[in-house]
Protein backbone atom coordinates (compact mmCIF):
# COMPACT_ATOMS: atom_id res chain seq x y z
CA UNK A 1 0.05 0.03 -0.02
CA UNK A 2 1.20 3.45 -0.89
CA UNK A 3 2.76 5.48 1.96
CA UNK A 4 1.73 8.96 3.16
CA UNK A 5 4.66 10.96 4.31
CA UNK A 6 4.07 13.23 7.21
CA UNK A 7 6.09 16.01 9.00
CA UNK A 8 5.70 16.02 12.52
CA UNK A 9 7.04 18.05 15.46
CA UNK A 10 9.79 16.12 17.05
CA UNK A 11 10.68 18.50 19.80
CA UNK A 12 9.45 22.09 20.64
CA UNK A 13 12.16 24.52 20.02
CA UNK A 14 13.13 26.95 22.69
CA UNK A 15 14.46 29.69 20.30
CA UNK A 16 14.74 29.52 16.33
CA UNK A 17 13.57 26.34 14.92
CA UNK A 18 16.01 23.99 13.35
CA UNK A 19 15.42 21.09 10.83
CA UNK A 20 16.03 18.55 13.84
CA UNK A 21 13.04 19.76 15.51
CA UNK A 22 10.85 18.02 12.96
CA UNK A 23 10.68 14.25 11.92
CA UNK A 24 9.42 13.01 8.69
CA UNK A 25 7.33 9.85 9.23
CA UNK A 26 5.87 7.30 6.83
CA UNK A 27 2.25 6.77 7.68
CA UNK A 28 -0.47 4.54 5.95
CA UNK A 29 -2.28 5.96 3.06
CA UNK A 30 -5.46 7.56 4.40
CA UNK A 31 -8.88 6.18 3.07
CA UNK A 32 -12.06 8.20 2.68
CA UNK A 33 -15.33 7.28 4.42
CA UNK A 34 -18.73 7.71 2.81
CA UNK A 35 -19.12 11.56 2.23
CA UNK A 36 -15.36 12.22 2.42
CA UNK A 37 -12.89 13.20 -0.20
CA UNK A 38 -9.14 12.06 -0.67
CA UNK A 39 -6.88 14.74 -1.67
CA UNK A 40 -3.13 14.75 -2.64
CA UNK A 41 -1.24 17.78 -1.60
CA UNK A 42 0.12 19.99 -4.58
CA UNK A 43 1.44 22.93 -2.50
CA UNK A 44 1.90 23.62 1.17
CA UNK A 45 1.78 27.11 2.87
CA UNK A 46 4.50 27.79 5.28
CA UNK A 47 3.56 30.54 7.83
CA UNK A 48 5.11 32.45 10.64
CA UNK A 49 1.98 31.69 12.86
CA UNK A 50 3.00 28.01 12.77
CA UNK A 51 5.79 28.85 15.25
CA UNK A 52 3.19 30.28 17.68
CA UNK A 53 1.38 26.91 17.43
CA UNK A 54 4.51 25.17 18.29
CA UNK A 55 4.94 27.36 21.39
CA UNK A 56 1.16 27.00 22.38
CA UNK A 57 0.49 30.63 21.78
CA UNK A 58 -1.81 30.72 18.87
CA UNK A 59 -5.45 31.09 18.82
CA UNK A 60 -5.84 27.91 16.27
CA UNK A 61 -4.34 25.72 18.91
CA UNK A 62 -1.08 23.90 19.72
CA UNK A 63 1.21 21.51 17.99
CA UNK A 64 2.87 19.36 20.31
CA UNK A 65 5.79 16.94 20.06
CA UNK A 66 4.76 13.89 18.09
CA UNK A 67 1.96 15.68 16.24
CA UNK A 68 1.31 16.54 12.60
CA UNK A 69 2.38 20.01 11.62
CA UNK A 70 -0.73 21.99 10.43
CA UNK A 71 -0.91 24.07 7.39
CA UNK A 72 -3.08 25.20 4.42
CA UNK A 73 -2.65 23.50 1.17
CA UNK A 74 -3.80 23.42 -2.48
CA UNK A 75 -4.78 19.91 -2.97
CA UNK A 76 -6.00 17.75 -5.85
CA UNK A 77 -9.06 15.31 -5.29
CA UNK A 78 -7.97 11.88 -6.13
CA UNK A 79 -10.90 9.95 -4.73
CA UNK A 80 -14.46 11.36 -4.09
CA UNK A 81 -17.24 9.93 -2.00
CA UNK A 82 -19.06 13.06 -2.12
CA UNK A 83 -21.35 14.23 -4.89
CA UNK A 84 -20.04 17.80 -4.98
CA UNK A 85 -16.50 17.08 -5.63
CA UNK A 86 -14.98 15.18 -8.57
CA UNK A 87 -11.55 13.52 -9.15
CA UNK A 88 -9.21 16.11 -10.55
CA UNK A 89 -10.86 19.18 -8.76
CA UNK A 90 -8.40 21.70 -7.34
CA UNK A 91 -9.28 22.52 -3.77
CA UNK A 92 -7.94 24.65 -0.95
CA UNK A 93 -7.95 23.23 2.50
CA UNK A 94 -5.86 22.45 5.70
CA UNK A 95 -4.25 19.43 4.38
CA UNK A 96 -1.44 19.84 6.51
CA UNK A 97 2.41 18.73 6.21
CA UNK A 98 1.74 15.44 4.45
CA UNK A 99 1.26 14.13 0.97
CA UNK A 100 -2.43 13.07 1.33
CA UNK A 101 -5.26 13.87 3.44
CA UNK A 102 -9.01 12.93 4.00
CA UNK A 103 -11.66 15.76 4.38
CA UNK A 104 -15.31 16.31 4.82
CA UNK A 105 -16.95 18.17 1.99
CA UNK A 106 -17.43 21.14 4.34
CA UNK A 107 -13.69 21.42 4.97
CA UNK A 108 -12.86 22.00 1.19
CA UNK A 109 -13.23 25.06 -1.18
CA UNK A 110 -12.88 24.80 -4.79
CA UNK A 111 -10.33 26.88 -6.40
CA UNK A 112 -11.15 29.06 -9.30
CA UNK A 113 -9.55 28.16 -12.41
CA UNK A 114 -8.87 31.74 -12.90
CA UNK A 115 -6.19 31.63 -10.27
CA UNK A 116 -2.68 31.19 -12.20
CA UNK A 117 -0.35 29.83 -11.34
CA UNK A 118 -2.21 27.48 -9.05
CA UNK A 119 0.16 28.37 -6.11
CA UNK A 120 -1.49 31.98 -6.13
CA UNK A 121 -4.27 30.29 -4.25
CA UNK A 122 -1.92 30.03 -1.09
CA UNK A 123 0.07 33.49 -1.73
CA UNK A 124 -1.11 36.62 -3.69
CA UNK A 125 -4.85 35.24 -3.89
CA UNK A 126 -4.76 33.12 -0.69
CA UNK A 127 -4.59 33.94 3.03
CA UNK A 128 -1.60 36.52 2.68
CA UNK A 129 -3.27 38.48 0.02
CA UNK A 130 -6.48 38.49 1.77
CA UNK A 131 -4.79 39.55 5.05
CA UNK A 132 -3.10 42.40 3.22
CA UNK A 133 -6.29 43.58 1.41
CA UNK A 134 -8.46 43.36 4.59
CA UNK A 135 -6.05 45.28 6.54
CA UNK A 136 -5.20 47.89 4.22
CA UNK A 137 -8.28 48.35 2.07
CA UNK A 138 -11.19 47.36 4.29
CA UNK A 139 -9.80 48.51 7.71
CA UNK A 140 -7.10 51.25 7.05
CA UNK A 141 -9.06 52.79 4.03
CA UNK A 142 -6.13 54.41 2.42
CA UNK A 143 -6.23 57.88 0.93
CA UNK A 144 -4.04 59.45 -1.82
CA UNK A 145 -0.79 60.76 -0.37
CA UNK A 146 -1.09 58.83 2.88
CA UNK A 147 2.20 57.63 4.31
CA UNK A 148 2.17 53.89 4.53
CA UNK A 149 4.72 52.09 6.43
CA UNK A 150 5.31 48.33 6.17
CA UNK A 151 7.84 46.01 7.79
CA UNK A 152 8.67 42.58 6.46
CA UNK A 153 8.23 44.63 3.20
CA UNK A 154 9.02 41.79 0.93
CA UNK A 155 7.08 39.03 2.54
CA UNK A 156 3.86 37.65 1.35
CA UNK A 157 1.55 39.70 3.35
CA UNK A 158 3.83 42.99 3.18
CA UNK A 159 4.65 42.80 -0.44
CA UNK A 160 0.79 42.60 -1.33
CA UNK A 161 -0.03 45.48 1.21
CA UNK A 162 2.77 47.61 -0.42
CA UNK A 163 1.54 47.18 -3.93
CA UNK A 164 -1.88 47.95 -3.07
CA UNK A 165 -1.03 51.04 -1.30
CA UNK A 166 0.78 52.27 -4.39
CA UNK A 167 -2.43 51.50 -6.43
CA UNK A 168 -4.23 53.63 -4.23
CA UNK A 169 -1.76 56.54 -4.54
CA UNK A 170 -0.07 56.28 -1.10
CA UNK A 171 3.73 56.96 -0.32
CA UNK A 172 4.90 53.63 0.67
CA UNK A 173 7.90 53.04 2.92
CA UNK A 174 9.15 49.46 3.68
CA UNK A 175 11.39 47.95 6.53
CA UNK A 176 13.36 44.86 5.62
CA UNK A 177 16.26 42.76 6.73
CA UNK A 178 18.89 43.26 4.08
CA UNK A 179 19.85 45.79 1.24
CA UNK A 180 18.95 42.95 -1.19
CA UNK A 181 15.27 42.90 0.03
CA UNK A 182 15.15 46.71 0.11
CA UNK A 183 16.32 46.92 -3.37
CA UNK A 184 13.77 44.35 -4.34
CA UNK A 185 10.98 46.29 -2.51
CA UNK A 186 11.92 49.57 -4.30
CA UNK A 187 12.85 48.27 -7.82
CA UNK A 188 10.36 45.37 -8.20
CA UNK A 189 7.36 46.30 -5.81
CA UNK A 190 7.24 50.07 -6.32
CA UNK A 191 8.17 51.22 -2.74
CA UNK A 192 9.24 54.72 -2.45
CA UNK A 193 11.93 53.92 0.18
CA UNK A 194 12.93 51.02 2.38
CA UNK A 195 14.86 50.97 5.66
CA UNK A 196 17.34 48.27 6.47
CA UNK A 197 16.39 47.39 9.94
CA UNK A 198 19.86 45.64 10.55
CA UNK A 199 22.11 48.45 9.47
CA UNK A 200 20.01 51.61 9.87
CA UNK A 201 18.65 53.38 12.87
CA UNK A 202 14.71 53.17 12.52
CA UNK A 203 13.83 56.24 14.52
CA UNK A 204 16.33 58.35 12.61
CA UNK A 205 15.33 57.02 9.28
CA UNK A 206 11.53 57.58 10.02
CA UNK A 207 12.23 61.16 10.93
CA UNK A 208 14.05 61.62 7.60
CA UNK A 209 11.50 59.71 5.55
CA UNK A 210 8.35 60.68 7.42
CA UNK A 211 8.75 64.18 8.81
CA UNK A 212 4.88 64.65 9.24
CA UNK A 213 4.47 61.10 10.51
CA UNK A 214 3.10 57.82 9.59
CA UNK A 215 -0.65 57.74 8.22
CA UNK A 216 -0.91 53.87 8.25
CA UNK A 217 1.20 51.23 9.98
CA UNK A 218 0.73 47.77 8.86
CA UNK A 219 2.27 45.88 11.78
CA UNK A 220 3.43 42.47 11.00
CA UNK A 221 6.30 42.25 13.47
CA UNK A 222 5.38 43.73 16.77
CA UNK A 223 8.43 44.02 19.25
CA UNK A 224 10.48 47.06 19.43
CA UNK A 225 9.63 48.25 15.90
CA UNK A 226 6.11 48.67 16.89
CA UNK A 227 7.18 50.61 20.03
CA UNK A 228 9.34 52.99 17.77
CA UNK A 229 6.78 53.39 14.99
CA UNK A 230 4.00 54.47 17.60
CA UNK A 231 6.15 57.44 18.59
CA UNK A 232 6.04 58.48 14.85
CA UNK A 233 2.34 58.48 14.02
CA UNK A 234 0.52 61.19 12.15
CA UNK A 235 -2.64 62.86 13.43
CA UNK A 236 -5.66 60.12 12.99
CA UNK A 237 -3.07 57.47 12.15
CA UNK A 238 -4.35 53.86 11.46
CA UNK A 239 -2.36 51.20 12.98
CA UNK A 240 -3.19 47.48 11.79
CA UNK A 241 -1.95 44.97 14.27
CA UNK A 242 -1.46 41.87 12.33
CA UNK A 243 1.80 39.59 13.34
CA UNK A 244 4.40 39.18 15.98
CA UNK A 245 7.29 38.06 13.94
CA UNK A 246 9.95 39.63 16.13
CA UNK A 247 8.72 37.68 19.10
CA UNK A 248 7.75 34.30 17.58
CA UNK A 249 11.07 32.80 18.44
CA UNK A 250 11.43 34.35 21.79
CA UNK A 251 10.15 32.76 24.96
CA UNK A 252 8.53 35.93 26.30
CA UNK A 253 6.61 38.81 24.32
CA UNK A 254 8.06 42.45 24.11
CA UNK A 255 6.04 44.83 26.20
CA UNK A 256 3.70 46.97 24.17
CA UNK A 257 3.94 50.87 23.37
CA UNK A 258 3.15 53.51 25.79
CA UNK A 259 -0.25 54.91 25.16
CA UNK A 260 0.78 58.59 25.33
CA UNK A 261 1.91 58.98 21.79
CA UNK A 262 -1.02 56.98 20.60
CA UNK A 263 -3.51 59.11 22.42
CA UNK A 264 -1.75 62.25 21.11
CA UNK A 265 -1.94 61.05 17.50
CA UNK A 266 -5.71 60.27 17.89
CA UNK A 267 -4.63 57.05 16.50
CA UNK A 268 -6.65 53.99 15.76
CA UNK A 269 -5.41 50.50 16.46
CA UNK A 270 -7.15 47.67 15.10
CA UNK A 271 -6.40 43.91 15.53
CA UNK A 272 -6.55 41.82 12.31
CA UNK A 273 -7.46 38.25 12.23
CA UNK A 274 -7.84 37.12 8.62
CA UNK A 275 -10.48 34.40 9.36
CA UNK A 276 -12.84 37.25 9.99
CA UNK A 277 -12.68 38.25 6.51
CA UNK A 278 -13.26 34.84 4.75
CA UNK A 279 -16.77 35.69 3.73
CA UNK A 280 -15.45 38.50 1.38
CA UNK A 281 -12.66 36.32 -0.09
CA UNK A 282 -14.44 36.35 -3.55
CA UNK A 283 -14.71 40.00 -3.48
CA UNK A 284 -10.97 40.49 -2.80
CA UNK A 285 -10.04 37.90 -5.52
CA UNK A 286 -12.26 39.52 -8.14
CA UNK A 287 -10.60 42.89 -7.50
CA UNK A 288 -7.05 41.63 -7.44
CA UNK A 289 -7.40 39.47 -10.47
CA UNK A 290 -7.64 42.67 -12.46
CA UNK A 291 -4.55 44.10 -11.08
CA UNK A 292 -2.83 40.87 -11.71
CA UNK A 293 -3.84 40.87 -15.47
CA UNK A 294 -2.51 44.50 -15.72
CA UNK A 295 0.81 43.64 -14.19
CA UNK A 296 0.40 45.98 -11.31
CA UNK A 297 0.36 43.21 -8.70
CA UNK A 298 2.49 40.39 -8.35
CA UNK A 299 4.08 37.93 -5.98
CA UNK A 300 7.40 36.55 -5.62
CA UNK A 301 7.21 32.75 -4.40
CA UNK A 302 9.87 31.02 -2.57
CA UNK A 303 9.16 27.13 -3.44
CA UNK A 304 10.99 24.41 -1.86
CA UNK A 305 10.34 20.99 -3.44
CA UNK A 306 9.27 17.74 -1.63
CA UNK A 307 7.66 17.06 1.68
CA UNK A 308 11.18 16.25 3.25
CA UNK A 309 12.30 19.78 2.61
CA UNK A 310 9.42 21.42 4.41
CA UNK A 311 11.35 21.63 7.59
CA UNK A 312 14.25 23.28 6.25
CA UNK A 313 12.17 25.64 4.34
CA UNK A 314 10.19 26.59 7.37
CA UNK A 315 13.49 27.36 9.30
CA UNK A 316 14.66 29.53 6.49
CA UNK A 317 11.24 31.51 6.81
CA UNK A 318 11.63 31.89 10.49
CA UNK A 319 15.26 33.19 10.08
CA UNK A 320 14.18 35.65 7.43
CA UNK A 321 15.85 34.11 4.65
CA UNK A 322 12.86 33.55 2.35
CA UNK A 323 12.13 35.61 -0.73
CA UNK A 324 8.45 36.29 -0.73
CA UNK A 325 5.86 33.78 0.00
CA UNK A 326 7.34 30.43 1.38
CA UNK A 327 5.68 27.36 -0.11
CA UNK A 328 6.56 23.62 -0.55
CA UNK A 329 5.66 21.82 -3.97
CA UNK A 330 4.66 18.55 -2.81
CA UNK A 331 3.50 16.97 -6.26
CA UNK A 332 3.49 17.82 -9.76
CA UNK A 333 0.58 19.69 -11.22
């Protein structure tokens, strides 16, 4: 019988994850019961929130030692015992870090054939894109000439938010971890400027680049970056709180910003959980498809190949070594 390779958490890391914290385990091929669907994973999404699951600090639950790593996938139906799904259908689901998965019909969403390449269903037109769109367009409501600041500027969410801000006539400034990433942000994503957080003083650069303050801060990292930016907010600024990348590998969280500057700026801080916006996914996809078609919206994808390489790819992501959206291609299309 064909095996199903799974990636399980071997040991919970105390700091940055390393490949040895994971184990690739052969398991029996899953079999669908009546009303279920068997799927072959095509692409697996790797996301920073998975590190919080490993630490037991994420709203979606905990992944403990010996358990299967969780994750969203684009999968192909290879056996169906449900009338709504046929062999060959491409679906989006939480297939997790494995080659094959079994699902109830309610756990599957058919992917539109308009989404091309297929992997865009996990990147530009997937959860990262929906996160960026919901935070920037629906919550922050950008206006022409707004100063928009985005850390993790070349990552999946950040790069999408940056391009959307430019489409709405904003002045967009990024924060990234290398000169190479800053150059990519400016030359390929249209950012007006980008700050290297490792070699430049963030507060000084914000004084130079944003003399009148930051109108929209799309926070993906938390930590000291959030504290610094909250001292540079413009009047009526909008801050979208979406990620804690600076703290994911740490045992404790960085204390939050002092309220004084936020009050003085009359700023609005909004927590963003992408699952709340799932009912509007089709609206987001329809709008973005037109921008993709015109070449004004794109996504760099960092694709590893094979389930065995998922742990190393995830570690690269958590070390900031990825280039765009981190994915693993499990099977050929």
